[in-house]
Amino acid sequence: SNKDNERDLNRFLQYSPLKQDLILTVVITREIVSILLGTLLYTSANLRAQQQLRIWLG
């Protein structure tokens, strides 16, 4: 909810700049990793499907 977000933001802003940087780095890294993993999983699933189609279609 918005109240929770506001509270989290206020808590975040009370941290030291160094801690803020660290948290942002962790959050961004996690996002990037999940996007990369998603892309990899999607790509490998796609490749597997294409191979399976080739086998079926001979």
C-alpha atoms as a PDB file:
ATOM      1  CA  SER A   1       0.000   0.000   0.000  1.00  0.00           C
ATOM      2  CA  ASN A   2       0.996   3.652  -0.275  1.00  0.00           C
ATOM      3  CA  LYS A   3       1.448   4.038   3.497  1.00  0.00           C
ATOM      4  CA  ASP A   4       3.886   1.106   3.531  1.00  0.00           C
ATOM      5  CA  ASN A   5       5.791   2.536   0.580  1.00  0.00           C
ATOM      6  CA  GLU A   6       5.991   5.925   2.277  1.00  0.00           C
ATOM      7  CA  ARG A   7       7.257   4.367   5.502  1.00  0.00           C
ATOM      8  CA  ASP A   8       9.855   2.322   3.611  1.00  0.00           C
ATOM      9  CA  LEU A   9      10.974   5.426   1.725  1.00  0.00           C
ATOM     10  CA  ASN A  10      11.301   7.467   4.932  1.00  0.00           C
ATOM     11  CA  ARG A  11      13.275   4.671   6.565  1.00  0.00           C
ATOM     12  CA  PHE A  12      15.472   4.437   3.485  1.00  0.00           C
ATOM     13  CA  LEU A  13      16.146   8.195   3.512  1.00  0.00           C
ATOM     14  CA  GLN A  14      17.292   8.012   7.144  1.00  0.00           C
ATOM     15  CA  TYR A  15      20.117   5.644   6.209  1.00  0.00           C
ATOM     16  CA  SER A  16      23.592   6.969   5.547  1.00  0.00           C
ATOM     17  CA  PRO A  17      24.400   7.735   1.880  1.00  0.00           C
ATOM     18  CA  LEU A  18      26.795   4.781   1.839  1.00  0.00           C
ATOM     19  CA  LYS A  19      24.085   2.420   3.037  1.00  0.00           C
ATOM     20  CA  GLN A  20      21.651   3.901   0.506  1.00  0.00           C
ATOM     21  CA  ASP A  21      24.156   3.258  -2.286  1.00  0.00           C
ATOM     22  CA  LEU A  22      24.665  -0.296  -1.082  1.00  0.00           C
ATOM     23  CA  ILE A  23      20.930  -1.006  -0.954  1.00  0.00           C
ATOM     24  CA  LEU A  24      20.375   0.500  -4.407  1.00  0.00           C
ATOM     25  CA  THR A  25      23.255  -1.525  -5.816  1.00  0.00           C
ATOM     26  CA  VAL A  26      21.825  -4.739  -4.368  1.00  0.00           C
ATOM     27  CA  VAL A  27      18.313  -3.971  -5.634  1.00  0.00           C
ATOM     28  CA  ILE A  28      19.508  -3.028  -9.123  1.00  0.00           C
ATOM     29  CA  THR A  29      21.827  -6.042  -9.310  1.00  0.00           C
ATOM     30  CA  ARG A  30      18.952  -8.341  -8.316  1.00  0.00           C
ATOM     31  CA  GLU A  31      16.738  -6.794 -11.001  1.00  0.00           C
ATOM     32  CA  ILE A  32      19.431  -7.196 -13.667  1.00  0.00           C
ATOM     33  CA  VAL A  33      20.144 -10.784 -12.634  1.00  0.00           C
ATOM     34  CA  SER A  34      16.453 -11.701 -12.702  1.00  0.00           C
ATOM     35  CA  ILE A  35      16.071 -10.108 -16.145  1.00  0.00           C
ATOM     36  CA  LEU A  36      19.149 -11.953 -17.432  1.00  0.00           C
ATOM     37  CA  LEU A  37      17.955 -15.236 -15.922  1.00  0.00           C
ATOM     38  CA  GLY A  38      14.502 -14.709 -17.412  1.00  0.00           C
ATOM     39  CA  THR A  39      16.036 -14.028 -20.819  1.00  0.00           C
ATOM     40  CA  LEU A  40      18.294 -17.080 -20.563  1.00  0.00           C
ATOM     41  CA  LEU A  41      15.424 -19.337 -19.498  1.00  0.00           C
ATOM     42  CA  TYR A  42      13.212 -17.942 -22.259  1.00  0.00           C
ATOM     43  CA  THR A  43      15.951 -18.387 -24.869  1.00  0.00           C
ATOM     44  CA  SER A  44      16.793 -21.948 -23.831  1.00  0.00           C
ATOM     45  CA  ALA A  45      13.097 -22.877 -23.748  1.00  0.00           C
ATOM     46  CA  ASN A  46      12.742 -21.396 -27.229  1.00  0.00           C
ATOM     47  CA  LEU A  47      15.734 -23.354 -28.534  1.00  0.00           C
ATOM     48  CA  ARG A  48      14.406 -26.577 -27.007  1.00  0.00           C
ATOM     49  CA  ALA A  49      11.005 -25.993 -28.601  1.00  0.00           C
ATOM     50  CA  GLN A  50      12.618 -25.385 -32.001  1.00  0.00           C
ATOM     51  CA  GLN A  51      14.680 -28.583 -31.714  1.00  0.00           C
ATOM     52  CA  GLN A  52      11.577 -30.535 -30.722  1.00  0.00           C
ATOM     53  CA  LEU A  53       9.692 -29.126 -33.726  1.00  0.00           C
ATOM     54  CA  ARG A  54      12.512 -30.147 -36.068  1.00  0.00           C
ATOM     55  CA  ILE A  55      12.451 -33.675 -34.633  1.00  0.00           C
ATOM     56  CA  TRP A  56       8.674 -33.916 -35.047  1.00  0.00           C
ATOM     57  CA  LEU A  57       8.650 -32.439 -38.536  1.00  0.00           C
ATOM     58  CA  GLY A  58      11.608 -34.583 -39.532  1.00  0.00           C
END
